[in-house]
C-alpha atoms as a PDB file:
ATOM      1  CA  MET A   1      75.693  31.750 -30.530  1.00  0.00           C
ATOM      2  CA  THR A   2      74.314  34.192 -33.363  1.00  0.00           C
ATOM      3  CA  VAL A   3      70.570  35.312 -33.570  1.00  0.00           C
ATOM      4  CA  HIS A   4      70.419  33.049 -37.022  1.00  0.00           C
ATOM      5  CA  GLN A   5      71.328  30.094 -34.544  1.00  0.00           C
ATOM      6  CA  VAL A   6      68.706  31.275 -32.038  1.00  0.00           C
ATOM      7  CA  LEU A   7      65.968  31.614 -34.530  1.00  0.00           C
ATOM      8  CA  THR A   8      66.750  28.288 -36.205  1.00  0.00           C
ATOM      9  CA  SER A   9      66.570  26.384 -33.040  1.00  0.00           C
ATOM     10  CA  CYS A  10      63.433  28.207 -31.714  1.00  0.00           C
ATOM     11  CA  PHE A  11      61.275  29.007 -34.584  1.00  0.00           C
ATOM     12  CA  GLY A  12      62.406  26.437 -37.189  1.00  0.00           C
ATOM     13  CA  ILE A  13      63.592  29.140 -39.523  1.00  0.00           C
ATOM     14  CA  ARG A  14      66.115  28.762 -41.941  1.00  0.00           C
ATOM     15  CA  HIS A  15      68.220  32.087 -43.218  1.00  0.00           C
ATOM     16  CA  THR A  16      68.763  32.568 -46.760  1.00  0.00           C
ATOM     17  CA  SER A  17      71.647  34.606 -47.898  1.00  0.00           C
ATOM     18  CA  SER A  18      71.204  37.755 -50.138  1.00  0.00           C
ATOM     19  CA  ALA A  19      73.064  39.950 -51.822  1.00  0.00           C
ATOM     20  CA  ALA A  20      71.064  42.982 -50.862  1.00  0.00           C
ATOM     21  CA  THR A  21      72.024  42.474 -47.190  1.00  0.00           C
ATOM     22  CA  THR A  22      74.925  45.063 -46.877  1.00  0.00           C
ATOM     23  CA  SER A  23      78.397  44.341 -45.376  1.00  0.00           C
ATOM     24  CA  ALA A  24      77.610  47.026 -42.292  1.00  0.00           C
ATOM     25  CA  GLU A  25      74.363  44.892 -41.448  1.00  0.00           C
ATOM     26  CA  ALA A  26      76.269  41.416 -41.520  1.00  0.00           C
ATOM     27  CA  ALA A  27      79.170  43.056 -39.197  1.00  0.00           C
ATOM     28  CA  GLU A  28      76.530  44.479 -36.677  1.00  0.00           C
ATOM     29  CA  PRO A  29      76.746  43.151 -33.156  1.00  0.00           C
ATOM     30  CA  GLN A  30      74.020  40.692 -32.365  1.00  0.00           C
ATOM     31  CA  ASP A  31      71.980  40.282 -29.517  1.00  0.00           C
ATOM     32  CA  VAL A  32      71.183  36.770 -28.098  1.00  0.00           C
ATOM     33  CA  ALA A  33      68.212  35.981 -26.309  1.00  0.00           C
ATOM     34  CA  ASN A  34      67.291  32.445 -24.715  1.00  0.00           C
ATOM     35  CA  CYS A  35      64.054  31.181 -25.998  1.00  0.00           C
ATOM     36  CA  GLY A  36      63.592  28.574 -23.379  1.00  0.00           C
ATOM     37  CA  GLU A  37      62.961  28.158 -19.686  1.00  0.00           C
ATOM     38  CA  PRO A  38      65.299  30.326 -17.530  1.00  0.00           C
ATOM     39  CA  GLY A  39      68.773  28.442 -17.472  1.00  0.00           C
ATOM     40  CA  GLU A  40      68.136  26.456 -20.776  1.00  0.00           C
ATOM     41  CA  THR A  41      70.350  26.734 -23.630  1.00  0.00           C
ATOM     42  CA  ALA A  42      68.985  27.766 -27.029  1.00  0.00           C
ATOM     43  CA  GLU A  43      69.779  24.538 -28.237  1.00  0.00           C
ATOM     44  CA  ALA A  44      67.954  22.592 -25.841  1.00  0.00           C
ATOM     45  CA  ALA A  45      64.814  24.437 -25.842  1.00  0.00           C
ATOM     46  CA  GLU A  46      61.614  23.424 -27.441  1.00  0.00           C
ATOM     47  CA  PRO A  47      61.060  24.731 -30.735  1.00  0.00           C
ATOM     48  CA  LYS A  48      58.406  27.584 -30.685  1.00  0.00           C
ATOM     49  CA  LYS A  49      54.987  26.979 -32.373  1.00  0.00           C
ATOM     50  CA  HIS A  50      54.709  30.129 -34.284  1.00  0.00           C
ATOM     51  CA  SER A  51      54.602  30.177 -37.806  1.00  0.00           C
ATOM     52  CA  HIS A  52      56.745  32.927 -39.607  1.00  0.00           C
ATOM     53  CA  HIS A  53      57.271  34.052 -43.019  1.00  0.00           C
ATOM     54  CA  ARG A  54      60.142  35.973 -44.841  1.00  0.00           C
ATOM     55  CA  GLY A  55      57.632  38.056 -46.814  1.00  0.00           C
ATOM     56  CA  ILE A  56      54.094  39.323 -46.605  1.00  0.00           C
ATOM     57  CA  LYS A  57      52.061  40.407 -49.286  1.00  0.00           C
ATOM     58  CA  ILE A  58      48.613  42.611 -48.423  1.00  0.00           C
ATOM     59  CA  LEU A  59      45.898  42.055 -50.742  1.00  0.00           C
ATOM     60  CA  GLY A  60      42.771  43.836 -50.976  1.00  0.00           C
ATOM     61  CA  VAL A  61      39.735  44.529 -53.340  1.00  0.00           C
ATOM     62  CA  ALA A  62      40.769  48.066 -54.985  1.00  0.00           C
ATOM     63  CA  THR A  63      36.942  48.995 -55.366  1.00  0.00           C
ATOM     64  CA  MET A  64      36.516  48.405 -51.293  1.00  0.00           C
ATOM     65  CA  LEU A  65      39.636  49.746 -49.961  1.00  0.00           C
ATOM     66  CA  ALA A  66      40.523  53.100 -49.666  1.00  0.00           C
ATOM     67  CA  ALA A  67      44.083  52.350 -48.792  1.00  0.00           C
ATOM     68  CA  PRO A  68      46.449  50.975 -51.936  1.00  0.00           C
ATOM     69  CA  VAL A  69      46.800  47.433 -52.031  1.00  0.00           C
ATOM     70  CA  LEU A  70      50.590  46.624 -50.825  1.00  0.00           C
ATOM     71  CA  GLY A  71      53.290  44.004 -50.977  1.00  0.00           C
ATOM     72  CA  ILE A  72      56.046  43.783 -48.357  1.00  0.00           C
ATOM     73  CA  ALA A  73      59.517  42.051 -48.745  1.00  0.00           C
ATOM     74  CA  ALA A  74      62.625  41.670 -46.597  1.00  0.00           C
ATOM     75  CA  GLN A  75      65.577  39.635 -46.398  1.00  0.00           C
ATOM     76  CA  GLY A  76      67.381  38.090 -43.451  1.00  0.00           C
ATOM     77  CA  LEU A  77      66.873  37.510 -39.910  1.00  0.00           C
ATOM     78  CA  ASP A  78      69.045  39.644 -37.940  1.00  0.00           C
ATOM     79  CA  VAL A  79      68.158  41.640 -34.445  1.00  0.00           C
ATOM     80  CA  LEU A  80      67.936  45.270 -35.855  1.00  0.00           C
ATOM     81  CA  PRO A  81      69.500  48.370 -34.499  1.00  0.00           C
ATOM     82  CA  SER A  82      67.335  50.774 -32.632  1.00  0.00           C
ATOM     83  CA  PRO A  83      67.250  54.478 -33.234  1.00  0.00           C
ATOM     84  CA  LEU A  84      66.849  56.507 -30.266  1.00  0.00           C
ATOM     85  CA  PHE A  85      63.983  58.413 -31.897  1.00  0.00           C
ATOM     86  CA  ALA A  86      61.947  57.482 -34.535  1.00  0.00           C
ATOM     87  CA  GLU A  87      63.661  57.623 -37.921  1.00  0.00           C
ATOM     88  CA  THR A  88      61.898  58.358 -41.092  1.00  0.00           C
ATOM     89  CA  THR A  89      62.530  57.498 -44.610  1.00  0.00           C
ATOM     90  CA  THR A  90      61.089  57.366 -48.010  1.00  0.00           C
ATOM     91  CA  VAL A  91      60.305  54.064 -49.483  1.00  0.00           C
ATOM     92  CA  THR A  92      59.095  54.179 -53.399  1.00  0.00           C
ATOM     93  CA  PRO A  93      56.660  51.295 -54.173  1.00  0.00           C
ATOM     94  CA  GLN A  94      57.640  49.197 -57.210  1.00  0.00           C
ATOM     95  CA  SER A  95      54.606  48.772 -59.828  1.00  0.00           C
ATOM     96  CA  SER A  96      53.500  44.940 -60.127  1.00  0.00           C
ATOM     97  CA  THR A  97      53.639  43.368 -63.086  1.00  0.00           C
ATOM     98  CA  ALA A  98      51.392  40.119 -61.650  1.00  0.00           C
ATOM     99  CA  THR A  99      48.269  39.267 -63.742  1.00  0.00           C
ATOM    100  CA  PRO A 100      45.008  40.197 -61.951  1.00  0.00           C
ATOM    101  CA  GLN A 101      43.146  37.082 -60.384  1.00  0.00           C
ATOM    102  CA  GLY A 102      39.565  37.914 -60.328  1.00  0.00           C
ATOM    103  CA  SER A 103      39.150  41.175 -58.127  1.00  0.00           C
ATOM    104  CA  TYR A 104      42.280  40.765 -56.613  1.00  0.00           C
ATOM    105  CA  ALA A 105      45.552  42.366 -57.504  1.00  0.00           C
ATOM    106  CA  VAL A 106      48.683  43.316 -56.164  1.00  0.00           C
ATOM    107  CA  THR A 107      49.355  47.050 -57.452  1.00  0.00           C
ATOM    108  CA  ALA A 108      52.512  47.908 -55.769  1.00  0.00           C
ATOM    109  CA  THR A 109      55.486  46.227 -53.798  1.00  0.00           C
ATOM    110  CA  TYR A 110      57.526  48.186 -50.866  1.00  0.00           C
ATOM    111  CA  HIS A 111      60.852  46.878 -50.007  1.00  0.00           C
ATOM    112  CA  VAL A 112      61.849  47.665 -46.508  1.00  0.00           C
ATOM    113  CA  PRO A 113      65.178  48.317 -45.654  1.00  0.00           C
ATOM    114  CA  GLY A 114      67.260  46.136 -43.342  1.00  0.00           C
ATOM    115  CA  SER A 115      66.568  42.322 -42.426  1.00  0.00           C
ATOM    116  CA  GLY A 116      64.014  40.345 -40.328  1.00  0.00           C
ATOM    117  CA  THR A 117      60.807  38.292 -40.674  1.00  0.00           C
ATOM    118  CA  PHE A 118      57.424  39.911 -40.605  1.00  0.00           C
ATOM    119  CA  ASP A 119      54.456  38.573 -38.767  1.00  0.00           C
ATOM    120  CA  TYR A 120      51.303  40.636 -37.863  1.00  0.00           C
ATOM    121  CA  GLN A 121      50.458  43.886 -39.205  1.00  0.00           C
ATOM    122  CA  THR A 122      47.851  46.492 -38.104  1.00  0.00           C
ATOM    123  CA  TYR A 123      46.523  49.245 -40.424  1.00  0.00           C
ATOM    124  CA  ASP A 124      45.083  52.366 -39.065  1.00  0.00           C
ATOM    125  CA  SER A 125      42.770  53.799 -41.543  1.00  0.00           C
ATOM    126  CA  SER A 126      42.296  57.660 -39.999  1.00  0.00           C
ATOM    127  CA  THR A 127      46.073  58.125 -40.500  1.00  0.00           C
ATOM    128  CA  HIS A 128      47.068  55.860 -43.173  1.00  0.00           C
ATOM    129  CA  ASP A 129      49.635  53.999 -40.987  1.00  0.00           C
ATOM    130  CA  LEU A 130      50.532  50.685 -41.435  1.00  0.00           C
ATOM    131  CA  TYR A 131      51.976  48.983 -38.258  1.00  0.00           C
ATOM    132  CA  ILE A 132      54.537  46.394 -39.128  1.00  0.00           C
ATOM    133  CA  THR A 133      56.343  44.090 -36.807  1.00  0.00           C
ATOM    134  CA  HIS A 134      59.925  43.508 -38.551  1.00  0.00           C
ATOM    135  CA  GLY A 135      62.209  41.069 -36.514  1.00  0.00           C
ATOM    136  CA  SER A 136      62.898  42.955 -33.187  1.00  0.00           C
ATOM    137  CA  ARG A 137      61.468  46.232 -34.131  1.00  0.00           C
ATOM    138  CA  VAL A 138      58.377  48.029 -35.117  1.00  0.00           C
ATOM    139  CA  GLU A 139      58.146  50.117 -38.387  1.00  0.00           C
ATOM    140  CA  VAL A 140      55.070  52.455 -39.548  1.00  0.00           C
ATOM    141  CA  LEU A 141      54.651  52.683 -43.177  1.00  0.00           C
ATOM    142  CA  ASN A 142      52.232  55.676 -44.065  1.00  0.00           C
ATOM    143  CA  THR A 143      50.551  54.607 -47.552  1.00  0.00           C
ATOM    144  CA  GLY A 144      49.751  58.080 -48.264  1.00  0.00           C
ATOM    145  CA  THR A 145      53.277  59.539 -48.280  1.00  0.00           C
ATOM    146  CA  ASP A 146      55.401  56.283 -48.615  1.00  0.00           C
ATOM    147  CA  GLN A 147      57.225  57.488 -45.257  1.00  0.00           C
ATOM    148  CA  LEU A 148      58.445  54.754 -43.221  1.00  0.00           C
ATOM    149  CA  LYS A 149      59.334  55.123 -39.480  1.00  0.00           C
ATOM    150  CA  VAL A 150      61.549  52.982 -37.655  1.00  0.00           C
ATOM    151  CA  LEU A 151      60.426  52.965 -34.013  1.00  0.00           C
ATOM    152  CA  PRO A 152      62.718  52.778 -31.019  1.00  0.00           C
ATOM    153  CA  ARG A 153      62.667  49.506 -29.283  1.00  0.00           C
ATOM    154  CA  THR A 154      63.666  48.368 -25.873  1.00  0.00           C
ATOM    155  CA  ALA A 155      66.308  45.950 -25.086  1.00  0.00           C
ATOM    156  CA  ASP A 156      63.589  43.136 -24.504  1.00  0.00           C
ATOM    157  CA  MET A 157      61.997  43.327 -27.964  1.00  0.00           C
ATOM    158  CA  ILE A 158      63.796  40.859 -29.767  1.00  0.00           C
ATOM    159  CA  GLY A 159      60.770  38.863 -31.755  1.00  0.00           C
ATOM    160  CA  VAL A 160      57.868  41.143 -32.128  1.00  0.00           C
ATOM    161  CA  HIS A 161      54.658  39.672 -33.274  1.00  0.00           C
ATOM    162  CA  GLY A 162      51.562  41.663 -32.755  1.00  0.00           C
ATOM    163  CA  ILE A 163      50.540  45.230 -32.577  1.00  0.00           C
ATOM    164  CA  ALA A 164      47.119  46.482 -30.844  1.00  0.00           C
ATOM    165  CA  LEU A 165      46.254  49.974 -31.308  1.00  0.00           C
ATOM    166  CA  VAL A 166      44.160  51.863 -28.514  1.00  0.00           C
ATOM    167  CA  LYS A 167      43.384  55.271 -29.957  1.00  0.00           C
ATOM    168  CA  ASP A 168      41.352  56.556 -27.102  1.00  0.00           C
ATOM    169  CA  GLN A 169      44.512  56.209 -24.833  1.00  0.00           C
ATOM    170  CA  GLY A 170      47.109  57.206 -27.713  1.00  0.00           C
ATOM    171  CA  LYS A 171      48.700  53.787 -27.132  1.00  0.00           C
ATOM    172  CA  ALA A 172      49.882  50.931 -28.884  1.00  0.00           C
ATOM    173  CA  PHE A 173      50.628  47.264 -27.597  1.00  0.00           C
ATOM    174  CA  VAL A 174      53.548  45.229 -29.233  1.00  0.00           C
ATOM    175  CA  THR A 175      53.909  41.578 -28.197  1.00  0.00           C
ATOM    176  CA  ASP A 176      57.263  39.927 -27.852  1.00  0.00           C
ATOM    177  CA  GLY A 177      57.128  36.014 -28.162  1.00  0.00           C
ATOM    178  CA  ILE A 178      60.682  35.539 -27.114  1.00  0.00           C
ATOM    179  CA  THR A 179      60.786  37.693 -23.866  1.00  0.00           C
ATOM    180  CA  SER A 180      57.266  36.755 -23.178  1.00  0.00           C
ATOM    181  CA  LYS A 181      56.369  40.742 -22.791  1.00  0.00           C
ATOM    182  CA  VAL A 182      54.214  43.289 -24.249  1.00  0.00           C
ATOM    183  CA  THR A 183      55.669  46.773 -24.624  1.00  0.00           C
ATOM    184  CA  VAL A 184      53.663  49.796 -24.481  1.00  0.00           C
ATOM    185  CA  TYR A 185      54.299  52.755 -26.974  1.00  0.00           C
ATOM    186  CA  ASP A 186      52.954  56.421 -27.164  1.00  0.00           C
ATOM    187  CA  LEU A 187      51.226  56.947 -30.258  1.00  0.00           C
ATOM    188  CA  LYS A 188      52.046  60.420 -30.196  1.00  0.00           C
ATOM    189  CA  THR A 189      55.822  60.259 -29.282  1.00  0.00           C
ATOM    190  CA  ASP A 190      56.616  57.000 -30.939  1.00  0.00           C
ATOM    191  CA  LYS A 191      58.643  55.970 -27.904  1.00  0.00           C
ATOM    192  CA  PRO A 192      58.096  53.027 -25.795  1.00  0.00           C
ATOM    193  CA  THR A 193      56.782  53.881 -22.408  1.00  0.00           C
ATOM    194  CA  GLY A 194      56.736  50.763 -20.520  1.00  0.00           C
ATOM    195  CA  GLU A 195      56.668  46.955 -20.534  1.00  0.00           C
ATOM    196  CA  ILE A 196      54.267  44.356 -19.422  1.00  0.00           C
ATOM    197  CA  SER A 197      55.083  40.738 -18.553  1.00  0.00           C
ATOM    198  CA  VAL A 198      52.211  38.199 -19.545  1.00  0.00           C
ATOM    199  CA  GLY A 199      51.958  34.617 -20.405  1.00  0.00           C
ATOM    200  CA  LYS A 200      54.443  32.381 -22.199  1.00  0.00           C
ATOM    201  CA  GLY A 201      55.108  33.267 -26.001  1.00  0.00           C
ATOM    202  CA  PRO A 202      52.633  35.938 -26.709  1.00  0.00           C
ATOM    203  CA  ASP A 203      51.713  36.005 -30.505  1.00  0.00           C
ATOM    204  CA  ASN A 204      48.540  37.763 -31.533  1.00  0.00           C
ATOM    205  CA  ILE A 205      47.458  40.705 -29.834  1.00  0.00           C
ATOM    206  CA  MET A 206      44.170  42.744 -30.061  1.00  0.00           C
ATOM    207  CA  TYR A 207      41.843  45.513 -28.717  1.00  0.00           C
ATOM    208  CA  ASP A 208      38.060  44.877 -28.098  1.00  0.00           C
ATOM    209  CA  GLN A 209      36.480  48.067 -27.949  1.00  0.00           C
ATOM    210  CA  THR A 210      33.176  46.502 -26.320  1.00  0.00           C
ATOM    211  CA  SER A 211      34.969  45.747 -22.984  1.00  0.00           C
ATOM    212  CA  GLY A 212      38.086  48.284 -23.146  1.00  0.00           C
ATOM    213  CA  LYS A 213      40.628  45.514 -22.831  1.00  0.00           C
ATOM    214  CA  VAL A 214      43.666  44.287 -24.800  1.00  0.00           C
ATOM    215  CA  PHE A 215      44.086  40.817 -24.987  1.00  0.00           C
ATOM    216  CA  ALA A 216      47.452  39.037 -25.788  1.00  0.00           C
ATOM    217  CA  MET A 217      47.421  35.491 -27.139  1.00  0.00           C
ATOM    218  CA  ASN A 218      49.948  33.267 -25.450  1.00  0.00           C
ATOM    219  CA  SER A 219      50.660  30.807 -27.826  1.00  0.00           C
ATOM    220  CA  ASP A 220      53.111  28.861 -25.820  1.00  0.00           C
ATOM    221  CA  GLY A 221      51.266  29.369 -22.665  1.00  0.00           C
ATOM    222  CA  ASN A 222      47.931  28.226 -24.134  1.00  0.00           C
ATOM    223  CA  SER A 223      46.098  31.208 -22.465  1.00  0.00           C
ATOM    224  CA  ALA A 224      45.434  34.984 -23.087  1.00  0.00           C
ATOM    225  CA  SER A 225      46.341  37.675 -20.684  1.00  0.00           C
ATOM    226  CA  VAL A 226      43.815  40.428 -20.214  1.00  0.00           C
ATOM    227  CA  ILE A 227      45.544  43.875 -20.100  1.00  0.00           C
ATOM    228  CA  ASN A 228      43.693  46.869 -18.761  1.00  0.00           C
ATOM    229  CA  PRO A 229      44.942  49.895 -21.409  1.00  0.00           C
ATOM    230  CA  GLN A 230      44.578  52.274 -18.851  1.00  0.00           C
ATOM    231  CA  THR A 231      46.821  51.181 -16.164  1.00  0.00           C
ATOM    232  CA  ASP A 232      48.862  48.781 -18.564  1.00  0.00           C
ATOM    233  CA  GLN A 233      48.385  46.011 -16.059  1.00  0.00           C
ATOM    234  CA  VAL A 234      47.421  42.380 -16.323  1.00  0.00           C
ATOM    235  CA  GLU A 235      44.021  42.083 -14.785  1.00  0.00           C
ATOM    236  CA  ALA A 236      43.429  38.356 -15.819  1.00  0.00           C
ATOM    237  CA  THR A 237      44.527  35.396 -17.468  1.00  0.00           C
ATOM    238  CA  ILE A 238      42.230  33.127 -19.457  1.00  0.00           C
ATOM    239  CA  GLN A 239      43.121  29.573 -20.043  1.00  0.00           C
ATOM    240  CA  LEU A 240      42.280  28.245 -23.146  1.00  0.00           C
ATOM    241  CA  GLY A 241      42.696  24.861 -23.457  1.00  0.00           C
ATOM    242  CA  GLY A 242      45.058  25.069 -26.529  1.00  0.00           C
ATOM    243  CA  SER A 243      47.511  27.029 -28.143  1.00  0.00           C
ATOM    244  CA  PRO A 244      46.175  30.372 -29.788  1.00  0.00           C
ATOM    245  CA  GLU A 245      46.459  31.908 -32.790  1.00  0.00           C
ATOM    246  CA  GLU A 246      44.703  34.976 -33.785  1.00  0.00           C
ATOM    247  CA  ALA A 247      41.498  36.433 -31.826  1.00  0.00           C
ATOM    248  CA  LEU A 248      38.374  38.413 -33.183  1.00  0.00           C
ATOM    249  CA  SER A 249      35.499  40.198 -31.515  1.00  0.00           C
ATOM    250  CA  ASP A 250      31.932  39.966 -32.497  1.00  0.00           C
ATOM    251  CA  GLY A 251      31.453  43.288 -30.717  1.00  0.00           C
ATOM    252  CA  GLN A 252      28.740  41.985 -28.729  1.00  0.00           C
ATOM    253  CA  GLY A 253      30.681  40.611 -25.820  1.00  0.00           C
ATOM    254  CA  HIS A 254      32.557  37.666 -27.238  1.00  0.00           C
ATOM    255  CA  LEU A 255      36.205  36.850 -28.667  1.00  0.00           C
ATOM    256  CA  TYR A 256      36.402  33.972 -31.014  1.00  0.00           C
ATOM    257  CA  VAL A 257      40.151  32.419 -30.734  1.00  0.00           C
ATOM    258  CA  ALA A 258      41.731  29.981 -32.991  1.00  0.00           C
ATOM    259  CA  LEU A 259      43.417  26.989 -31.229  1.00  0.00           C
ATOM    260  CA  ASN A 260      46.034  25.650 -33.837  1.00  0.00           C
ATOM    261  CA  ASP A 261      46.781  22.695 -31.991  1.00  0.00           C
ATOM    262  CA  GLN A 262      43.211  21.402 -31.014  1.00  0.00           C
ATOM    263  CA  ASN A 263      41.575  22.231 -34.331  1.00  0.00           C
ATOM    264  CA  GLN A 264      38.919  24.524 -32.317  1.00  0.00           C
ATOM    265  CA  VAL A 265      37.872  27.838 -31.753  1.00  0.00           C
ATOM    266  CA  ALA A 266      37.420  28.691 -28.348  1.00  0.00           C
ATOM    267  CA  ARG A 267      34.897  31.621 -27.487  1.00  0.00           C
ATOM    268  CA  ILE A 268      35.598  34.118 -24.693  1.00  0.00           C
ATOM    269  CA  ASP A 269      32.957  36.071 -22.572  1.00  0.00           C
ATOM    270  CA  THR A 270      34.442  39.314 -22.103  1.00  0.00           C
ATOM    271  CA  SER A 271      32.383  40.163 -19.189  1.00  0.00           C
ATOM    272  CA  THR A 272      33.449  37.307 -17.166  1.00  0.00           C
ATOM    273  CA  LEU A 273      36.768  36.804 -18.774  1.00  0.00           C
ATOM    274  CA  LYS A 274      36.070  33.111 -18.981  1.00  0.00           C
ATOM    275  CA  VAL A 275      35.713  30.740 -22.039  1.00  0.00           C
ATOM    276  CA  ASP A 276      32.119  29.845 -22.333  1.00  0.00           C
ATOM    277  CA  GLY A 277      32.557  27.319 -25.333  1.00  0.00           C
ATOM    278  CA  HIS A 278      34.713  25.598 -28.062  1.00  0.00           C
ATOM    279  CA  TYR A 279      33.781  24.867 -31.560  1.00  0.00           C
ATOM    280  CA  GLY A 280      35.377  22.411 -33.781  1.00  0.00           C
ATOM    281  CA  VAL A 281      36.424  22.917 -37.212  1.00  0.00           C
ATOM    282  CA  GLY A 282      35.850  19.366 -38.473  1.00  0.00           C
ATOM    283  CA  ASP A 283      38.511  18.199 -40.913  1.00  0.00           C
ATOM    284  CA  GLY A 284      40.505  21.251 -40.768  1.00  0.00           C
ATOM    285  CA  ASP A 285      43.860  21.303 -39.283  1.00  0.00           C
ATOM    286  CA  GLY A 286      45.841  24.004 -37.323  1.00  0.00           C
ATOM    287  CA  PRO A 287      43.409  27.150 -37.632  1.00  0.00           C
END
């Protein structure tokens, strides 16, 4: 079975061929993962709830952001090769001809080499590094130098989703929704240093500075895994009552988690690590 077939059955993504895909990429051996329960074939596995897009544009208000406004584009859905060490290339942004809409405008587009879909991105304003989840690997685009690094990946990194930076520990935590693991990276060496098993289908992940904990949102497990970034151990699993998407902290001891199958937002008390409230979103659907 090809990775295209796995992703089509698990994620509902359909591949669109592109002339930009090289013959070498097309000929690469494909790693295949089971996206369902142990012993279950990919064809029989229940489709994932995650929503993916083949391209992401980052918009901002130019007068408020020091970083450039970016657009990112890629083609294909292959599992990408992994370098042994971080590989750096230069990607030249293309000026945008789009007509500005109010205060917002796309000023440049970066075409990231290779194939694969994007999900969450994380920006480090102190280093001007944009961390990108790209198919089966993590890439780091420095918006000041236009240098793009491809980080080494482990064999269990097949469908990466979110990235949380814990600068005081010198670590990054990356979710993989297919293998239900979080990969830990050393920010100095750009190398993976370990893996953490979490709940089913982790998607978004975030670091809450108030509690000092990392929270992985398990989209298919209806839960959040609480990770101690000092020990890289799961300290608790919080049942949320629905499928979580993105989580945000108020900086005062609470996280707010969108439950996209319940039309609700759950509130987590980060001191007790329990849900202490749910908020309906009215007529909204799939927050």
